[in-house]
C-alpha atoms as a PDB file:
ATOM      1  CA  UNK A   1      52.744 -52.579 -63.902  1.00  0.00           C
ATOM      2  CA  UNK A   2      54.540 -54.935 -67.002  1.00  0.00           C
ATOM      3  CA  UNK A   3      57.771 -56.808 -66.264  1.00  0.00           C
ATOM      4  CA  UNK A   4      60.290 -55.395 -68.832  1.00  0.00           C
ATOM      5  CA  UNK A   5      61.585 -57.331 -71.473  1.00  0.00           C
ATOM      6  CA  UNK A   6      65.161 -59.363 -71.290  1.00  0.00           C
ATOM      7  CA  UNK A   7      65.473 -58.058 -75.079  1.00  0.00           C
ATOM      8  CA  UNK A   8      64.240 -54.982 -73.689  1.00  0.00           C
ATOM      9  CA  UNK A   9      66.814 -53.854 -70.476  1.00  0.00           C
ATOM     10  CA  UNK A  10      69.295 -55.382 -73.144  1.00  0.00           C
ATOM     11  CA  UNK A  11      68.917 -52.724 -75.063  1.00  0.00           C
ATOM     12  CA  UNK A  12      68.580 -49.923 -72.077  1.00  0.00           C
ATOM     13  CA  UNK A  13      71.155 -51.563 -71.108  1.00  0.00           C
ATOM     14  CA  UNK A  14      73.902 -50.473 -73.620  1.00  0.00           C
ATOM     15  CA  UNK A  15      73.348 -47.461 -72.709  1.00  0.00           C
ATOM     16  CA  UNK A  16      75.296 -47.836 -70.091  1.00  0.00           C
ATOM     17  CA  UNK A  17      78.164 -46.910 -72.444  1.00  0.00           C
ATOM     18  CA  UNK A  18      79.032 -43.902 -74.302  1.00  0.00           C
ATOM     19  CA  UNK A  19      79.126 -44.822 -77.900  1.00  0.00           C
ATOM     20  CA  UNK A  20      75.706 -46.152 -77.941  1.00  0.00           C
ATOM     21  CA  UNK A  21      73.844 -42.865 -75.935  1.00  0.00           C
ATOM     22  CA  UNK A  22      75.421 -41.011 -78.791  1.00  0.00           C
ATOM     23  CA  UNK A  23      73.661 -43.929 -81.731  1.00  0.00           C
ATOM     24  CA  UNK A  24      70.609 -43.893 -79.692  1.00  0.00           C
ATOM     25  CA  UNK A  25      69.727 -40.512 -78.584  1.00  0.00           C
ATOM     26  CA  UNK A  26      68.918 -41.411 -74.853  1.00  0.00           C
ATOM     27  CA  UNK A  27      70.036 -41.857 -71.199  1.00  0.00           C
ATOM     28  CA  UNK A  28      69.976 -43.573 -67.876  1.00  0.00           C
ATOM     29  CA  UNK A  29      69.776 -42.490 -64.730  1.00  0.00           C
ATOM     30  CA  UNK A  30      69.160 -43.625 -61.254  1.00  0.00           C
ATOM     31  CA  UNK A  31      68.257 -42.223 -57.933  1.00  0.00           C
ATOM     32  CA  UNK A  32      65.635 -40.453 -56.169  1.00  0.00           C
ATOM     33  CA  UNK A  33      66.633 -37.060 -56.500  1.00  0.00           C
ATOM     34  CA  UNK A  34      67.425 -36.742 -60.716  1.00  0.00           C
ATOM     35  CA  UNK A  35      64.279 -38.754 -61.279  1.00  0.00           C
ATOM     36  CA  UNK A  36      61.810 -37.023 -59.692  1.00  0.00           C
ATOM     37  CA  UNK A  37      63.586 -33.501 -61.634  1.00  0.00           C
ATOM     38  CA  UNK A  38      63.280 -35.157 -64.669  1.00  0.00           C
ATOM     39  CA  UNK A  39      60.294 -35.098 -63.903  1.00  0.00           C
ATOM     40  CA  UNK A  40      59.545 -31.682 -62.526  1.00  0.00           C
ATOM     41  CA  UNK A  41      61.433 -30.795 -66.073  1.00  0.00           C
ATOM     42  CA  UNK A  42      60.193 -30.855 -69.634  1.00  0.00           C
ATOM     43  CA  UNK A  43      62.537 -33.324 -70.040  1.00  0.00           C
ATOM     44  CA  UNK A  44      61.344 -36.809 -72.023  1.00  0.00           C
ATOM     45  CA  UNK A  45      60.786 -39.435 -69.894  1.00  0.00           C
ATOM     46  CA  UNK A  46      60.659 -42.379 -71.763  1.00  0.00           C
ATOM     47  CA  UNK A  47      60.084 -45.131 -68.789  1.00  0.00           C
ATOM     48  CA  UNK A  48      60.671 -45.801 -65.828  1.00  0.00           C
ATOM     49  CA  UNK A  49      62.128 -48.332 -63.877  1.00  0.00           C
ATOM     50  CA  UNK A  50      60.616 -49.706 -60.122  1.00  0.00           C
ATOM     51  CA  UNK A  51      61.908 -51.428 -57.720  1.00  0.00           C
ATOM     52  CA  UNK A  52      59.244 -54.265 -55.785  1.00  0.00           C
ATOM     53  CA  UNK A  53      60.901 -52.325 -52.860  1.00  0.00           C
ATOM     54  CA  UNK A  54      60.817 -48.807 -53.515  1.00  0.00           C
ATOM     55  CA  UNK A  55      57.941 -48.965 -55.431  1.00  0.00           C
ATOM     56  CA  UNK A  56      55.896 -49.483 -51.819  1.00  0.00           C
ATOM     57  CA  UNK A  57      57.512 -47.043 -50.727  1.00  0.00           C
ATOM     58  CA  UNK A  58      56.015 -43.381 -50.068  1.00  0.00           C
ATOM     59  CA  UNK A  59      58.149 -42.101 -52.038  1.00  0.00           C
ATOM     60  CA  UNK A  60      58.040 -44.861 -55.136  1.00  0.00           C
ATOM     61  CA  UNK A  61      53.766 -44.303 -54.493  1.00  0.00           C
ATOM     62  CA  UNK A  62      54.629 -40.223 -55.392  1.00  0.00           C
ATOM     63  CA  UNK A  63      56.229 -40.789 -58.094  1.00  0.00           C
ATOM     64  CA  UNK A  64      54.244 -43.757 -59.615  1.00  0.00           C
ATOM     65  CA  UNK A  65      51.490 -40.613 -59.394  1.00  0.00           C
ATOM     66  CA  UNK A  66      53.962 -38.495 -61.402  1.00  0.00           C
ATOM     67  CA  UNK A  67      54.593 -41.141 -63.993  1.00  0.00           C
ATOM     68  CA  UNK A  68      51.194 -41.663 -64.276  1.00  0.00           C
ATOM     69  CA  UNK A  69      50.231 -38.063 -64.650  1.00  0.00           C
ATOM     70  CA  UNK A  70      53.284 -37.818 -68.103  1.00  0.00           C
ATOM     71  CA  UNK A  71      52.261 -41.331 -69.618  1.00  0.00           C
ATOM     72  CA  UNK A  72      55.307 -42.621 -68.676  1.00  0.00           C
ATOM     73  CA  UNK A  73      55.497 -46.633 -69.518  1.00  0.00           C
ATOM     74  CA  UNK A  74      56.559 -48.126 -65.769  1.00  0.00           C
ATOM     75  CA  UNK A  75      58.033 -51.435 -65.039  1.00  0.00           C
ATOM     76  CA  UNK A  76      58.361 -52.800 -62.066  1.00  0.00           C
ATOM     77  CA  UNK A  77      62.035 -54.813 -61.837  1.00  0.00           C
ATOM     78  CA  UNK A  78      64.181 -57.396 -59.628  1.00  0.00           C
ATOM     79  CA  UNK A  79      66.490 -56.071 -57.497  1.00  0.00           C
ATOM     80  CA  UNK A  80      69.408 -57.588 -59.520  1.00  0.00           C
ATOM     81  CA  UNK A  81      67.825 -56.404 -62.629  1.00  0.00           C
ATOM     82  CA  UNK A  82      67.977 -52.989 -60.863  1.00  0.00           C
ATOM     83  CA  UNK A  83      72.323 -53.582 -59.764  1.00  0.00           C
ATOM     84  CA  UNK A  84      72.809 -54.009 -63.585  1.00  0.00           C
ATOM     85  CA  UNK A  85      71.490 -51.595 -64.900  1.00  0.00           C
ATOM     86  CA  UNK A  86      73.584 -48.960 -61.821  1.00  0.00           C
ATOM     87  CA  UNK A  87      76.457 -46.916 -62.430  1.00  0.00           C
ATOM     88  CA  UNK A  88      76.502 -46.459 -57.934  1.00  0.00           C
ATOM     89  CA  UNK A  89      76.906 -49.186 -55.467  1.00  0.00           C
ATOM     90  CA  UNK A  90      73.757 -49.590 -53.883  1.00  0.00           C
ATOM     91  CA  UNK A  91      71.017 -48.602 -55.910  1.00  0.00           C
ATOM     92  CA  UNK A  92      67.904 -46.760 -54.486  1.00  0.00           C
ATOM     93  CA  UNK A  93      65.226 -48.894 -56.332  1.00  0.00           C
ATOM     94  CA  UNK A  94      64.438 -46.116 -59.463  1.00  0.00           C
ATOM     95  CA  UNK A  95      66.257 -45.219 -62.381  1.00  0.00           C
ATOM     96  CA  UNK A  96      64.692 -43.595 -65.562  1.00  0.00           C
ATOM     97  CA  UNK A  97      65.389 -43.599 -69.541  1.00  0.00           C
ATOM     98  CA  UNK A  98      65.571 -39.559 -70.504  1.00  0.00           C
ATOM     99  CA  UNK A  99      65.380 -38.310 -74.323  1.00  0.00           C
ATOM    100  CA  UNK A 100      68.655 -36.373 -74.801  1.00  0.00           C
ATOM    101  CA  UNK A 101      68.141 -32.574 -75.939  1.00  0.00           C
ATOM    102  CA  UNK A 102      70.568 -31.283 -78.742  1.00  0.00           C
ATOM    103  CA  UNK A 103      70.141 -27.352 -78.096  1.00  0.00           C
ATOM    104  CA  UNK A 104      72.155 -24.935 -80.099  1.00  0.00           C
ATOM    105  CA  UNK A 105      73.297 -21.534 -80.036  1.00  0.00           C
ATOM    106  CA  UNK A 106      71.043 -19.121 -81.131  1.00  0.00           C
ATOM    107  CA  UNK A 107      70.406 -15.091 -81.779  1.00  0.00           C
ATOM    108  CA  UNK A 108      67.648 -14.928 -79.742  1.00  0.00           C
ATOM    109  CA  UNK A 109      69.422 -17.436 -76.921  1.00  0.00           C
ATOM    110  CA  UNK A 110      72.133 -14.826 -76.849  1.00  0.00           C
ATOM    111  CA  UNK A 111      70.235 -11.656 -76.944  1.00  0.00           C
ATOM    112  CA  UNK A 112      68.025 -13.287 -73.815  1.00  0.00           C
ATOM    113  CA  UNK A 113      71.187 -14.384 -72.239  1.00  0.00           C
ATOM    114  CA  UNK A 114      73.116 -11.813 -69.694  1.00  0.00           C
ATOM    115  CA  UNK A 115      75.605 -14.503 -67.991  1.00  0.00           C
ATOM    116  CA  UNK A 116      77.083 -17.622 -69.636  1.00  0.00           C
ATOM    117  CA  UNK A 117      80.110 -19.755 -68.342  1.00  0.00           C
ATOM    118  CA  UNK A 118      82.559 -21.042 -71.028  1.00  0.00           C
ATOM    119  CA  UNK A 119      84.023 -24.762 -70.259  1.00  0.00           C
ATOM    120  CA  UNK A 120      86.815 -25.302 -72.105  1.00  0.00           C
ATOM    121  CA  UNK A 121      88.296 -29.777 -71.615  1.00  0.00           C
ATOM    122  CA  UNK A 122      87.486 -30.171 -68.707  1.00  0.00           C
ATOM    123  CA  UNK A 123      88.023 -33.645 -68.257  1.00  0.00           C
ATOM    124  CA  UNK A 124      87.026 -34.811 -64.393  1.00  0.00           C
ATOM    125  CA  UNK A 125      83.596 -35.250 -64.775  1.00  0.00           C
ATOM    126  CA  UNK A 126      82.821 -34.922 -60.858  1.00  0.00           C
ATOM    127  CA  UNK A 127      84.185 -31.251 -61.814  1.00  0.00           C
ATOM    128  CA  UNK A 128      81.899 -30.714 -65.491  1.00  0.00           C
ATOM    129  CA  UNK A 129      78.420 -32.076 -63.320  1.00  0.00           C
ATOM    130  CA  UNK A 130      79.469 -29.610 -60.575  1.00  0.00           C
ATOM    131  CA  UNK A 131      80.101 -26.337 -62.116  1.00  0.00           C
ATOM    132  CA  UNK A 132      76.814 -26.775 -64.616  1.00  0.00           C
ATOM    133  CA  UNK A 133      75.052 -26.917 -60.836  1.00  0.00           C
ATOM    134  CA  UNK A 134      77.298 -23.939 -59.791  1.00  0.00           C
ATOM    135  CA  UNK A 135      75.982 -21.769 -62.249  1.00  0.00           C
ATOM    136  CA  UNK A 136      72.609 -23.144 -61.953  1.00  0.00           C
ATOM    137  CA  UNK A 137      72.775 -22.585 -59.155  1.00  0.00           C
ATOM    138  CA  UNK A 138      74.575 -18.551 -59.947  1.00  0.00           C
ATOM    139  CA  UNK A 139      71.789 -17.803 -61.743  1.00  0.00           C
ATOM    140  CA  UNK A 140      73.520 -18.137 -65.168  1.00  0.00           C
ATOM    141  CA  UNK A 141      71.056 -18.432 -68.477  1.00  0.00           C
ATOM    142  CA  UNK A 142      73.355 -21.312 -70.208  1.00  0.00           C
ATOM    143  CA  UNK A 143      75.799 -23.283 -69.846  1.00  0.00           C
ATOM    144  CA  UNK A 144      78.845 -23.576 -73.160  1.00  0.00           C
ATOM    145  CA  UNK A 145      81.332 -27.038 -73.225  1.00  0.00           C
ATOM    146  CA  UNK A 146      83.803 -27.253 -75.741  1.00  0.00           C
ATOM    147  CA  UNK A 147      84.220 -29.965 -77.874  1.00  0.00           C
ATOM    148  CA  UNK A 148      87.096 -31.898 -75.655  1.00  0.00           C
ATOM    149  CA  UNK A 149      84.573 -32.269 -72.510  1.00  0.00           C
ATOM    150  CA  UNK A 150      83.570 -35.299 -71.283  1.00  0.00           C
ATOM    151  CA  UNK A 151      80.618 -36.802 -72.272  1.00  0.00           C
ATOM    152  CA  UNK A 152      77.443 -34.467 -70.951  1.00  0.00           C
ATOM    153  CA  UNK A 153      75.692 -37.114 -70.070  1.00  0.00           C
ATOM    154  CA  UNK A 154      78.402 -39.369 -68.207  1.00  0.00           C
ATOM    155  CA  UNK A 155      77.011 -40.504 -65.293  1.00  0.00           C
ATOM    156  CA  UNK A 156      79.019 -39.878 -63.156  1.00  0.00           C
ATOM    157  CA  UNK A 157      78.302 -35.929 -65.265  1.00  0.00           C
ATOM    158  CA  UNK A 158      74.312 -36.753 -63.948  1.00  0.00           C
ATOM    159  CA  UNK A 159      74.777 -37.541 -60.690  1.00  0.00           C
ATOM    160  CA  UNK A 160      77.167 -35.053 -59.748  1.00  0.00           C
ATOM    161  CA  UNK A 161      74.817 -31.687 -61.533  1.00  0.00           C
ATOM    162  CA  UNK A 162      72.560 -33.019 -59.062  1.00  0.00           C
ATOM    163  CA  UNK A 163      69.431 -32.273 -61.844  1.00  0.00           C
ATOM    164  CA  UNK A 164      70.260 -28.770 -62.373  1.00  0.00           C
ATOM    165  CA  UNK A 165      70.555 -30.233 -66.070  1.00  0.00           C
ATOM    166  CA  UNK A 166      67.160 -30.521 -66.319  1.00  0.00           C
ATOM    167  CA  UNK A 167      66.511 -27.204 -65.542  1.00  0.00           C
ATOM    168  CA  UNK A 168      69.753 -25.180 -67.603  1.00  0.00           C
ATOM    169  CA  UNK A 169      70.936 -24.978 -71.031  1.00  0.00           C
ATOM    170  CA  UNK A 170      73.974 -26.458 -71.516  1.00  0.00           C
ATOM    171  CA  UNK A 171      74.796 -26.808 -75.583  1.00  0.00           C
ATOM    172  CA  UNK A 172      77.881 -28.849 -76.410  1.00  0.00           C
ATOM    173  CA  UNK A 173      80.819 -29.643 -79.463  1.00  0.00           C
ATOM    174  CA  UNK A 174      80.996 -25.596 -79.699  1.00  0.00           C
ATOM    175  CA  UNK A 175      84.262 -24.756 -80.916  1.00  0.00           C
ATOM    176  CA  UNK A 176      85.163 -22.220 -78.802  1.00  0.00           C
ATOM    177  CA  UNK A 177      87.289 -20.117 -81.460  1.00  0.00           C
ATOM    178  CA  UNK A 178      84.079 -20.234 -83.308  1.00  0.00           C
ATOM    179  CA  UNK A 179      81.505 -19.101 -81.085  1.00  0.00           C
ATOM    180  CA  UNK A 180      83.445 -16.457 -78.994  1.00  0.00           C
ATOM    181  CA  UNK A 181      83.579 -13.959 -81.701  1.00  0.00           C
ATOM    182  CA  UNK A 182      79.641 -14.173 -82.613  1.00  0.00           C
ATOM    183  CA  UNK A 183      79.194 -13.859 -78.689  1.00  0.00           C
ATOM    184  CA  UNK A 184      80.967 -10.686 -78.755  1.00  0.00           C
ATOM    185  CA  UNK A 185      78.841  -9.509 -81.608  1.00  0.00           C
ATOM    186  CA  UNK A 186      76.464 -10.082 -78.711  1.00  0.00           C
ATOM    187  CA  UNK A 187      77.548  -7.934 -76.496  1.00  0.00           C
ATOM    188  CA  UNK A 188      78.916  -9.771 -74.015  1.00  0.00           C
ATOM    189  CA  UNK A 189      82.706  -9.144 -72.550  1.00  0.00           C
ATOM    190  CA  UNK A 190      84.652 -12.287 -72.398  1.00  0.00           C
ATOM    191  CA  UNK A 191      86.509 -13.099 -69.464  1.00  0.00           C
ATOM    192  CA  UNK A 192      88.855 -15.414 -68.854  1.00  0.00           C
ATOM    193  CA  UNK A 193      90.206 -17.233 -65.745  1.00  0.00           C
ATOM    194  CA  UNK A 194      93.934 -17.382 -64.757  1.00  0.00           C
ATOM    195  CA  UNK A 195      95.992 -19.205 -63.276  1.00  0.00           C
ATOM    196  CA  UNK A 196      99.002 -17.333 -63.112  1.00  0.00           C
ATOM    197  CA  UNK A 197      97.811 -14.252 -64.970  1.00  0.00           C
ATOM    198  CA  UNK A 198      95.217 -11.566 -65.562  1.00  0.00           C
ATOM    199  CA  UNK A 199      93.714  -8.982 -62.715  1.00  0.00           C
ATOM    200  CA  UNK A 200      91.896  -9.734 -59.486  1.00  0.00           C
ATOM    201  CA  UNK A 201      89.233 -11.181 -59.684  1.00  0.00           C
ATOM    202  CA  UNK A 202      87.718  -8.378 -56.343  1.00  0.00           C
ATOM    203  CA  UNK A 203      88.793  -5.774 -58.847  1.00  0.00           C
ATOM    204  CA  UNK A 204      86.936  -5.623 -62.409  1.00  0.00           C
ATOM    205  CA  UNK A 205      84.089  -4.020 -61.941  1.00  0.00           C
ATOM    206  CA  UNK A 206      81.847  -6.268 -64.347  1.00  0.00           C
ATOM    207  CA  UNK A 207      79.371  -5.438 -67.798  1.00  0.00           C
ATOM    208  CA  UNK A 208      75.669  -6.855 -68.315  1.00  0.00           C
ATOM    209  CA  UNK A 209      76.523  -8.694 -69.936  1.00  0.00           C
ATOM    210  CA  UNK A 210      79.590 -11.749 -69.037  1.00  0.00           C
ATOM    211  CA  UNK A 211      80.908 -14.543 -70.187  1.00  0.00           C
ATOM    212  CA  UNK A 212      83.997 -16.854 -67.788  1.00  0.00           C
ATOM    213  CA  UNK A 213      85.874 -18.592 -69.091  1.00  0.00           C
ATOM    214  CA  UNK A 214      87.157 -21.616 -67.251  1.00  0.00           C
ATOM    215  CA  UNK A 215      89.996 -24.489 -67.723  1.00  0.00           C
ATOM    216  CA  UNK A 216      90.647 -27.826 -67.055  1.00  0.00           C
ATOM    217  CA  UNK A 217      92.987 -27.959 -63.818  1.00  0.00           C
ATOM    218  CA  UNK A 218      95.905 -29.446 -65.509  1.00  0.00           C
ATOM    219  CA  UNK A 219      95.976 -26.369 -68.553  1.00  0.00           C
ATOM    220  CA  UNK A 220      93.271 -24.210 -68.125  1.00  0.00           C
ATOM    221  CA  UNK A 221      92.091 -22.471 -70.696  1.00  0.00           C
ATOM    222  CA  UNK A 222      93.885 -23.117 -74.095  1.00  0.00           C
ATOM    223  CA  UNK A 223      95.813 -19.560 -75.220  1.00  0.00           C
ATOM    224  CA  UNK A 224      93.605 -19.983 -78.378  1.00  0.00           C
ATOM    225  CA  UNK A 225      91.090 -19.764 -76.449  1.00  0.00           C
ATOM    226  CA  UNK A 226      91.600 -16.985 -73.751  1.00  0.00           C
ATOM    227  CA  UNK A 227      93.300 -15.130 -76.555  1.00  0.00           C
ATOM    228  CA  UNK A 228      90.153 -14.245 -77.495  1.00  0.00           C
ATOM    229  CA  UNK A 229      89.124 -12.726 -74.077  1.00  0.00           C
ATOM    230  CA  UNK A 230      88.440  -9.539 -73.526  1.00  0.00           C
ATOM    231  CA  UNK A 231      89.596  -9.077 -69.322  1.00  0.00           C
ATOM    232  CA  UNK A 232      92.457 -12.482 -68.081  1.00  0.00           C
ATOM    233  CA  UNK A 233      91.711 -13.140 -64.826  1.00  0.00           C
ATOM    234  CA  UNK A 234      92.770 -14.679 -62.100  1.00  0.00           C
ATOM    235  CA  UNK A 235      92.549 -15.650 -58.323  1.00  0.00           C
ATOM    236  CA  UNK A 236      94.610 -14.831 -56.037  1.00  0.00           C
ATOM    237  CA  UNK A 237      96.998 -17.373 -54.055  1.00  0.00           C
ATOM    238  CA  UNK A 238      97.950 -16.972 -51.039  1.00  0.00           C
ATOM    239  CA  UNK A 239      98.955 -20.768 -49.776  1.00  0.00           C
ATOM    240  CA  UNK A 240     101.639 -22.857 -51.051  1.00  0.00           C
ATOM    241  CA  UNK A 241      98.378 -24.822 -53.274  1.00  0.00           C
ATOM    242  CA  UNK A 242      99.081 -24.716 -56.764  1.00  0.00           C
ATOM    243  CA  UNK A 243      95.574 -23.631 -58.017  1.00  0.00           C
ATOM    244  CA  UNK A 244      92.810 -24.158 -57.099  1.00  0.00           C
ATOM    245  CA  UNK A 245      89.956 -27.227 -58.044  1.00  0.00           C
ATOM    246  CA  UNK A 246      88.427 -26.239 -60.882  1.00  0.00           C
ATOM    247  CA  UNK A 247      84.980 -26.167 -59.903  1.00  0.00           C
ATOM    248  CA  UNK A 248      86.082 -24.398 -56.538  1.00  0.00           C
ATOM    249  CA  UNK A 249      87.025 -21.779 -58.980  1.00  0.00           C
ATOM    250  CA  UNK A 250      84.348 -21.374 -60.674  1.00  0.00           C
ATOM    251  CA  UNK A 251      81.335 -20.941 -58.257  1.00  0.00           C
ATOM    252  CA  UNK A 252      84.466 -17.668 -56.550  1.00  0.00           C
ATOM    253  CA  UNK A 253      84.231 -16.434 -60.022  1.00  0.00           C
ATOM    254  CA  UNK A 254      80.865 -17.089 -60.345  1.00  0.00           C
ATOM    255  CA  UNK A 255      79.472 -15.771 -57.185  1.00  0.00           C
ATOM    256  CA  UNK A 256      81.564 -12.212 -57.180  1.00  0.00           C
ATOM    257  CA  UNK A 257      80.943 -11.407 -60.556  1.00  0.00           C
ATOM    258  CA  UNK A 258      77.072 -11.822 -59.252  1.00  0.00           C
ATOM    259  CA  UNK A 259      77.555  -9.667 -56.208  1.00  0.00           C
ATOM    260  CA  UNK A 260      79.956  -7.145 -58.359  1.00  0.00           C
ATOM    261  CA  UNK A 261      76.612  -6.650 -60.555  1.00  0.00           C
ATOM    262  CA  UNK A 262      73.448  -6.828 -57.904  1.00  0.00           C
ATOM    263  CA  UNK A 263      75.658  -5.380 -55.216  1.00  0.00           C
ATOM    264  CA  UNK A 264      73.615  -5.936 -52.063  1.00  0.00           C
ATOM    265  CA  UNK A 265      72.567  -9.742 -52.686  1.00  0.00           C
ATOM    266  CA  UNK A 266      75.034 -10.251 -49.567  1.00  0.00           C
ATOM    267  CA  UNK A 267      73.121  -7.785 -47.313  1.00  0.00           C
ATOM    268  CA  UNK A 268      69.976  -9.975 -46.728  1.00  0.00           C
ATOM    269  CA  UNK A 269      68.672 -10.341 -50.798  1.00  0.00           C
ATOM    270  CA  UNK A 270      67.809 -14.320 -50.546  1.00  0.00           C
END
């Protein structure tokens, strides 16, 4: 295992900024779970970085072996170097540099999909990452991000996905006003989540092909976007809270759609 040159370390350190991630087309991840997930995916991993302590652990030995099988360069870093690169306060001693994926909303993708999640102007990294993770768990075919969403490769977004970003198609930088009509042409019905208006989400008979829209907690789905929906739906608020957290609402609605479509999954199916 080689040691990283100061120049190479400096280049990797720049990936901590959104500007450099956009220029380089790659990003930095850290932690055992995320590195395991990316190594088991079809994403291109450029290199893996280990601390000496992690290298000696059983997990470290296994991940070194996995990296070698994929022909990925592996470098040993000093603990202080890992800490300098890390975005967390207590880094686990393993990091990786991964190439971004630029996915498009193709006709074939829409043809072969039945449940999509559209996110409009989600600015909180934790919420965005959690909703991607929830969409993965619910079995959606993909997530669509509007131009106003926080950067997909923000470290907090990546961590909040818990690795789901490496297994679920996420199309970013979309103008939802332009793409929603295309989605409709492909047979989808658009459902917009609203706070104070629309039908009770449990009183809907959901069709086979659905695109669910979720907006930011501050302003919800933008009016010009929600006006393109076939149906506006809401989750009733029974207490004094003004609204639900966006990621919580996303989970409730996705699983109600799945329950409605599949019916029996809550009756013992696993």
